[in-house]
Protein backbone atom coordinates (compact mmCIF):
# COMPACT_ATOMS: atom_id res chain seq x y z
CA UNK A 1 -5.80 -12.82 18.22
CA UNK A 2 -5.95 -8.91 18.15
CA UNK A 3 -8.46 -7.36 15.59
CA UNK A 4 -6.84 -5.49 12.78
CA UNK A 5 -7.84 -1.22 12.53
CA UNK A 6 -11.21 -1.09 11.35
CA UNK A 7 -11.77 1.15 8.59
CA UNK A 8 -14.50 3.89 9.48
CA UNK A 9 -16.06 5.82 6.90
CA UNK A 10 -17.48 9.29 7.76
CA UNK A 11 -20.10 11.42 6.08
CA UNK A 12 -21.34 14.87 5.75
CA UNK A 13 -25.28 13.55 5.98
CA UNK A 14 -27.86 14.52 3.95
CA UNK A 15 -31.76 15.13 3.74
CA UNK A 16 -31.88 13.02 0.59
CA UNK A 17 -32.82 9.37 1.74
CA UNK A 18 -31.37 8.05 -1.55
CA UNK A 19 -27.88 9.77 -1.43
CA UNK A 20 -27.64 8.38 2.61
CA UNK A 21 -28.57 4.82 1.35
CA UNK A 22 -25.65 5.15 -1.47
CA UNK A 23 -23.05 6.10 1.33
CA UNK A 24 -24.84 2.97 3.32
CA UNK A 25 -24.44 0.63 -0.17
CA UNK A 26 -20.08 2.23 -0.13
CA UNK A 27 -19.92 1.26 3.12
CA UNK A 28 -21.48 -2.45 2.53
CA UNK A 29 -19.40 -2.53 -0.63
CA UNK A 30 -16.33 -2.22 1.25
CA UNK A 31 -16.93 -4.75 3.85
CA UNK A 32 -17.81 -7.00 1.19
CA UNK A 33 -14.73 -6.43 -0.42
CA UNK A 34 -12.49 -6.53 2.89
CA UNK A 35 -13.34 -9.42 4.93
CA UNK A 36 -10.44 -9.02 7.10
CA UNK A 37 -11.37 -6.08 8.28
CA UNK A 38 -13.83 -4.38 10.53
CA UNK A 39 -15.91 -1.58 8.03
CA UNK A 40 -18.63 0.58 9.07
CA UNK A 41 -19.48 4.15 8.35
CA UNK A 42 -21.82 6.78 9.88
CA UNK A 43 -22.71 10.54 9.52
CA UNK A 44 -22.35 13.70 11.34
CA UNK A 45 -25.51 14.87 11.17
CA UNK A 46 -28.78 14.85 9.44
CA UNK A 47 -28.82 10.93 7.90
CA UNK A 48 -28.83 7.80 9.61
CA UNK A 49 -26.45 6.22 11.24
CA UNK A 50 -24.67 9.19 13.22
CA UNK A 51 -21.18 8.31 13.75
CA UNK A 52 -21.56 7.25 17.58
CA UNK A 53 -23.45 4.41 16.38
CA UNK A 54 -20.80 2.84 13.82
CA UNK A 55 -18.20 3.48 16.19
CA UNK A 56 -20.41 1.87 19.20
CA UNK A 57 -20.40 -1.17 17.32
CA UNK A 58 -17.19 -1.74 16.13
CA UNK A 59 -16.10 -0.94 19.87
CA UNK A 60 -18.66 -3.77 20.48
CA UNK A 61 -16.94 -6.06 17.93
CA UNK A 62 -13.25 -5.38 19.75
CA UNK A 63 -12.08 -2.56 17.82
CA UNK A 64 -9.64 -0.88 19.41
CA UNK A 65 -8.04 1.01 16.42
CA UNK A 66 -9.07 3.01 13.64
CA UNK A 67 -8.45 4.35 10.64
CA UNK A 68 -11.28 7.08 9.57
CA UNK A 69 -11.34 8.48 5.96
CA UNK A 70 -13.64 11.40 5.63
CA UNK A 71 -15.90 10.62 2.22
CA UNK A 72 -15.43 14.24 1.23
CA UNK A 73 -13.97 14.97 -2.03
CA UNK A 74 -12.43 18.57 -0.74
CA UNK A 75 -10.93 19.41 2.47
CA UNK A 76 -13.42 22.27 3.97
CA UNK A 77 -14.43 22.88 7.20
CA UNK A 78 -16.08 19.58 7.73
CA UNK A 79 -13.01 17.53 7.10
CA UNK A 80 -10.53 19.92 8.47
CA UNK A 81 -12.83 20.61 11.77
CA UNK A 82 -15.64 18.96 12.37
CA UNK A 83 -14.55 15.49 12.17
CA UNK A 84 -11.64 15.85 14.42
CA UNK A 85 -13.34 17.12 16.91
CA UNK A 86 -16.65 14.25 16.54
CA UNK A 87 -13.78 11.75 16.59
CA UNK A 88 -12.19 13.53 19.79
CA UNK A 89 -15.11 12.60 21.50
CA UNK A 90 -15.47 9.19 20.33
CA UNK A 91 -11.92 8.77 21.99
CA UNK A 92 -13.42 10.27 24.78
CA UNK A 93 -16.54 8.11 24.95
CA UNK A 94 -14.49 4.85 24.28
CA UNK A 95 -11.33 5.17 26.37
CA UNK A 96 -8.86 2.58 24.92
CA UNK A 97 -9.32 3.58 21.40
CA UNK A 98 -7.09 5.07 19.08
CA UNK A 99 -7.95 7.04 15.69
CA UNK A 100 -5.99 7.77 12.71
CA UNK A 101 -7.18 10.10 10.82
CA UNK A 102 -7.23 9.68 6.35
CA UNK A 103 -7.22 12.11 4.00
CA UNK A 104 -10.29 13.71 2.08
CA UNK A 105 -10.36 11.94 -1.38
CA UNK A 106 -9.45 14.63 -3.68
CA UNK A 107 -9.32 14.80 -7.19
CA UNK A 108 -7.70 11.41 -7.70
CA UNK A 109 -6.95 10.33 -11.28
CA UNK A 110 -9.99 7.37 -10.46
CA UNK A 111 -12.57 9.44 -10.05
CA UNK A 112 -11.79 11.91 -12.72
CA UNK A 113 -12.35 8.91 -14.73
CA UNK A 114 -15.39 8.29 -13.08
CA UNK A 115 -16.34 12.08 -14.07
CA UNK A 116 -15.20 11.68 -17.78
CA UNK A 117 -17.20 9.18 -17.85
CA UNK A 118 -20.32 10.60 -16.67
CA UNK A 119 -20.03 13.34 -19.21
CA UNK A 120 -19.59 10.76 -21.90
CA UNK A 121 -23.18 9.39 -20.70
CA UNK A 122 -24.14 12.75 -21.01
CA UNK A 123 -23.56 13.17 -24.32
CA UNK A 124 -25.56 9.47 -24.81
CA UNK A 125 -23.04 7.47 -25.23
CA UNK A 126 -20.07 5.91 -23.92
CA UNK A 127 -16.43 5.35 -24.93
CA UNK A 128 -16.86 4.98 -28.25
CA UNK A 129 -17.88 8.63 -29.14
CA UNK A 130 -16.20 10.53 -31.76
CA UNK A 131 -13.90 13.15 -30.42
CA UNK A 132 -15.28 15.53 -32.30
CA UNK A 133 -18.25 15.33 -30.04
CA UNK A 134 -15.72 16.14 -26.98
CA UNK A 135 -13.87 19.22 -28.99
CA UNK A 136 -17.70 20.76 -29.37
CA UNK A 137 -18.64 20.07 -25.63
CA UNK A 138 -17.80 22.59 -22.51
CA UNK A 139 -18.36 20.93 -19.47
CA UNK A 140 -19.36 23.49 -16.12
CA UNK A 141 -18.10 21.32 -13.27
CA UNK A 142 -19.80 22.64 -10.27
CA UNK A 143 -18.68 21.96 -6.54
CA UNK A 144 -20.59 22.40 -3.83
CA UNK A 145 -18.88 25.42 -2.51
CA UNK A 146 -17.28 26.59 0.90
CA UNK A 147 -16.31 29.66 2.52
CA UNK A 148 -12.98 28.46 2.93
CA UNK A 149 -10.72 29.24 -0.44
CA UNK A 150 -8.53 26.62 -0.51
CA UNK A 151 -11.35 23.93 -0.90
CA UNK A 152 -12.74 26.27 -3.92
CA UNK A 153 -9.45 26.37 -5.44
CA UNK A 154 -9.62 22.27 -4.88
CA UNK A 155 -12.43 22.12 -7.42
CA UNK A 156 -10.84 24.53 -9.66
CA UNK A 157 -8.13 21.85 -9.86
CA UNK A 158 -9.98 18.91 -10.61
CA UNK A 159 -11.61 21.10 -13.36
CA UNK A 160 -7.82 21.64 -14.73
CA UNK A 161 -7.23 17.76 -14.26
CA UNK A 162 -10.43 17.03 -16.25
CA UNK A 163 -9.65 19.46 -18.89
CA UNK A 164 -5.87 17.69 -19.41
CA UNK A 165 -5.78 15.05 -22.28
CA UNK A 166 -9.68 14.76 -22.86
CA UNK A 167 -10.15 17.05 -25.79
CA UNK A 168 -13.33 18.86 -24.55
CA UNK A 169 -13.60 22.59 -25.43
CA UNK A 170 -13.00 23.73 -21.94
CA UNK A 171 -13.71 22.65 -18.58
CA UNK A 172 -15.58 25.69 -16.63
CA UNK A 173 -16.18 25.75 -12.99
CA UNK A 174 -19.34 26.93 -10.95
CA UNK A 175 -20.44 26.61 -7.49
CA UNK A 176 -23.92 25.36 -5.58
CA UNK A 177 -23.40 27.29 -2.57
CA UNK A 178 -21.35 29.88 -0.41
CA UNK A 179 -18.89 30.19 -3.74
CA UNK A 180 -19.12 32.43 -7.09
CA UNK A 181 -19.74 31.68 -9.83
CA UNK A 182 -23.16 29.87 -8.75
CA UNK A 183 -24.87 27.70 -11.74
CA UNK A 184 -26.50 30.95 -13.83
CA UNK A 185 -23.06 32.74 -13.60
CA UNK A 186 -20.57 29.54 -14.76
CA UNK A 187 -23.40 28.79 -17.75
CA UNK A 188 -23.44 32.42 -18.71
CA UNK A 189 -19.21 32.31 -18.40
CA UNK A 190 -19.40 29.15 -20.89
CA UNK A 191 -21.84 31.10 -23.18
CA UNK A 192 -19.63 33.95 -24.29
CA UNK A 193 -16.61 31.62 -24.17
CA UNK A 194 -18.44 30.57 -27.51
CA UNK A 195 -19.86 27.37 -26.21
CA UNK A 196 -22.92 25.82 -27.91
CA UNK A 197 -22.78 22.41 -25.56
CA UNK A 198 -22.36 22.30 -22.45
CA UNK A 199 -22.44 19.44 -19.98
CA UNK A 200 -23.21 20.68 -16.59
CA UNK A 201 -21.26 18.06 -14.39
CA UNK A 202 -21.99 17.83 -10.34
CA UNK A 203 -18.85 17.24 -8.48
CA UNK A 204 -20.34 15.31 -5.65
CA UNK A 205 -20.35 12.18 -4.54
CA UNK A 206 -23.45 11.09 -4.30
CA UNK A 207 -27.47 12.42 -4.95
CA UNK A 208 -29.04 14.79 -2.63
CA UNK A 209 -30.38 18.15 -2.28
CA UNK A 210 -27.35 20.05 -3.65
CA UNK A 211 -27.02 17.77 -6.84
CA UNK A 212 -30.82 18.37 -7.29
CA UNK A 213 -30.59 22.40 -7.13
CA UNK A 214 -27.52 22.03 -9.63
CA UNK A 215 -30.05 20.69 -11.86
CA UNK A 216 -33.61 22.72 -11.08
CA UNK A 217 -30.81 25.71 -11.51
CA UNK A 218 -29.17 24.33 -14.84
CA UNK A 219 -32.54 23.38 -16.52
CA UNK A 220 -34.00 27.44 -16.12
CA UNK A 221 -30.63 28.83 -17.26
CA UNK A 222 -30.88 26.24 -20.28
CA UNK A 223 -34.91 27.41 -20.96
CA UNK A 224 -33.75 31.12 -20.83
CA UNK A 225 -31.38 30.38 -23.84
CA UNK A 226 -32.44 28.11 -26.13
CA UNK A 227 -29.81 28.65 -28.16
CA UNK A 228 -27.23 26.65 -26.13
CA UNK A 229 -27.86 23.25 -25.44
CA UNK A 230 -27.29 22.22 -21.97
CA UNK A 231 -27.20 18.85 -20.35
CA UNK A 232 -26.46 17.69 -16.89
CA UNK A 233 -24.74 14.68 -15.59
CA UNK A 234 -24.88 12.01 -12.72
CA UNK A 235 -22.76 12.42 -9.67
CA UNK A 236 -20.31 9.99 -9.32
CA UNK A 237 -22.34 7.09 -6.88
CA UNK A 238 -20.82 4.35 -5.02
CA UNK A 239 -18.53 2.87 -7.53
CA UNK A 240 -15.98 0.27 -7.55
CA UNK A 241 -13.40 3.15 -8.38
CA UNK A 242 -14.87 5.00 -5.27
CA UNK A 243 -14.57 1.57 -2.81
CA UNK A 244 -11.05 1.23 -3.89
CA UNK A 245 -9.61 4.95 -3.71
CA UNK A 246 -11.50 4.86 0.08
CA UNK A 247 -9.46 1.66 0.84
CA UNK A 248 -6.26 3.87 -0.74
CA UNK A 249 -6.91 6.31 1.94
CA UNK A 250 -7.17 3.88 4.75
CA UNK A 251 -4.28 2.37 4.04
CA UNK A 252 -2.25 5.90 3.89
CA UNK A 253 -3.91 6.46 7.29
CA UNK A 254 -2.84 3.59 8.86
CA UNK A 255 0.83 4.39 7.13
CA UNK A 256 0.68 7.64 9.09
CA UNK A 257 0.94 8.98 4.83
CA UNK A 258 -1.68 11.53 5.16
CA UNK A 259 0.38 14.53 2.83
CA UNK A 260 -2.46 17.27 4.13
CA UNK A 261 -2.21 19.71 1.40
CA UNK A 262 -1.39 22.83 3.86
CA UNK A 263 0.19 24.89 1.21
CA UNK A 264 -2.94 27.07 0.77
CA UNK A 265 -4.59 26.64 4.09
CA UNK A 266 -6.38 29.46 5.91
CA UNK A 267 -5.34 28.13 9.27
CA UNK A 268 -1.62 28.39 8.08
CA UNK A 269 -1.19 30.93 5.22
CA UNK A 270 -2.39 34.63 5.17
CA UNK A 271 -4.50 34.94 2.47
CA UNK A 272 -6.24 38.08 0.93
CA UNK A 273 -9.35 38.69 3.64
CA UNK A 274 -8.58 36.07 5.74
CA UNK A 275 -5.80 36.82 7.46
CA UNK A 276 -8.05 36.65 10.59
CA UNK A 277 -7.72 32.99 10.37
CA UNK A 278 -4.48 32.25 10.93
CA UNK A 279 -3.75 30.16 13.88
CA UNK A 280 -7.53 30.10 14.87
CA UNK A 281 -8.60 26.69 16.74
CA UNK A 282 -11.55 24.76 15.26
CA UNK A 283 -14.51 25.89 16.31
CA UNK A 284 -16.99 22.38 15.15
CA UNK A 285 -20.90 23.49 14.85
CA UNK A 286 -22.57 21.38 17.24
CA UNK A 287 -24.13 18.72 15.43
CA UNK A 288 -27.75 17.98 17.04
CA UNK A 289 -27.92 14.19 15.36
CA UNK A 290 -24.78 13.48 17.82
CA UNK A 291 -26.59 10.65 19.30
CA UNK A 292 -28.71 12.63 21.93
CA UNK A 293 -24.71 13.43 23.27
CA UNK A 294 -24.40 16.85 24.78
CA UNK A 295 -20.77 17.89 25.78
CA UNK A 296 -18.82 21.50 25.75
CA UNK A 297 -17.17 21.24 22.71
CA UNK A 298 -13.71 22.97 22.97
CA UNK A 299 -11.68 24.42 19.97
CA UNK A 300 -9.59 22.43 18.28
CA UNK A 301 -6.76 23.85 16.53
CA UNK A 302 -6.47 22.71 12.88
CA UNK A 303 -3.52 20.11 12.52
CA UNK A 304 -0.49 20.45 11.10
């Protein structure tokens, strides 16, 4: 009997042990939910297990076909370049294997529902809180931040979708690294727009160094502005909705139904200040944790 295509989750990696364990928890959960399919997960840097080990384990179990799902909310450099390059290396290491590549998670309605739940929890309640609480609450959605404007725009899209129909006073956007506005500037924007209560909502899957930084920066701003109530929500976490969305991305990849958003990609469209990136081959940066293998990494063109 032929082994069915494996679900391979690919994470970036974090120096935060609890964040890495949350990823591993999600992998275990998916394996239990889908016992008929081989499931494994690995990181491209910083955390064990490395992606190479996850692939080797599956190959050892007879897997030849993979559908890899990037466990990332937005399509930035890692999803567009680094992970495809890592998968290409694994294909060379294991002749006879094939890899389909799924799209990042994106602002899926299921994840928006989880974000809504995190805001409700930060307000001190659950679904039973009165709509008036939301009407007096401005949400500051804080993304990771990227040098890729398309990736930053996806965070704004998530913020807009979170605002639609949920009754918040507003949903503003900030970033914790590489992009403006930063967290203090985002909070200041909320204040100037009249916000009296702000829920800082980290747009991150799991705990880690950057979500901790979001919390610290929010606390620092709040201490200097006691007239504004600031609360911090939790990250999405390895919840059931996330597991189901990963499975959806897996089945899309197997069907060849990728629907990558290319309309505003810097590698295809000349965006102001980024004109030099059009058609530029991807140059994935070296990942020292790639299982000790040192190969020359050539340019990998962004797939369109």
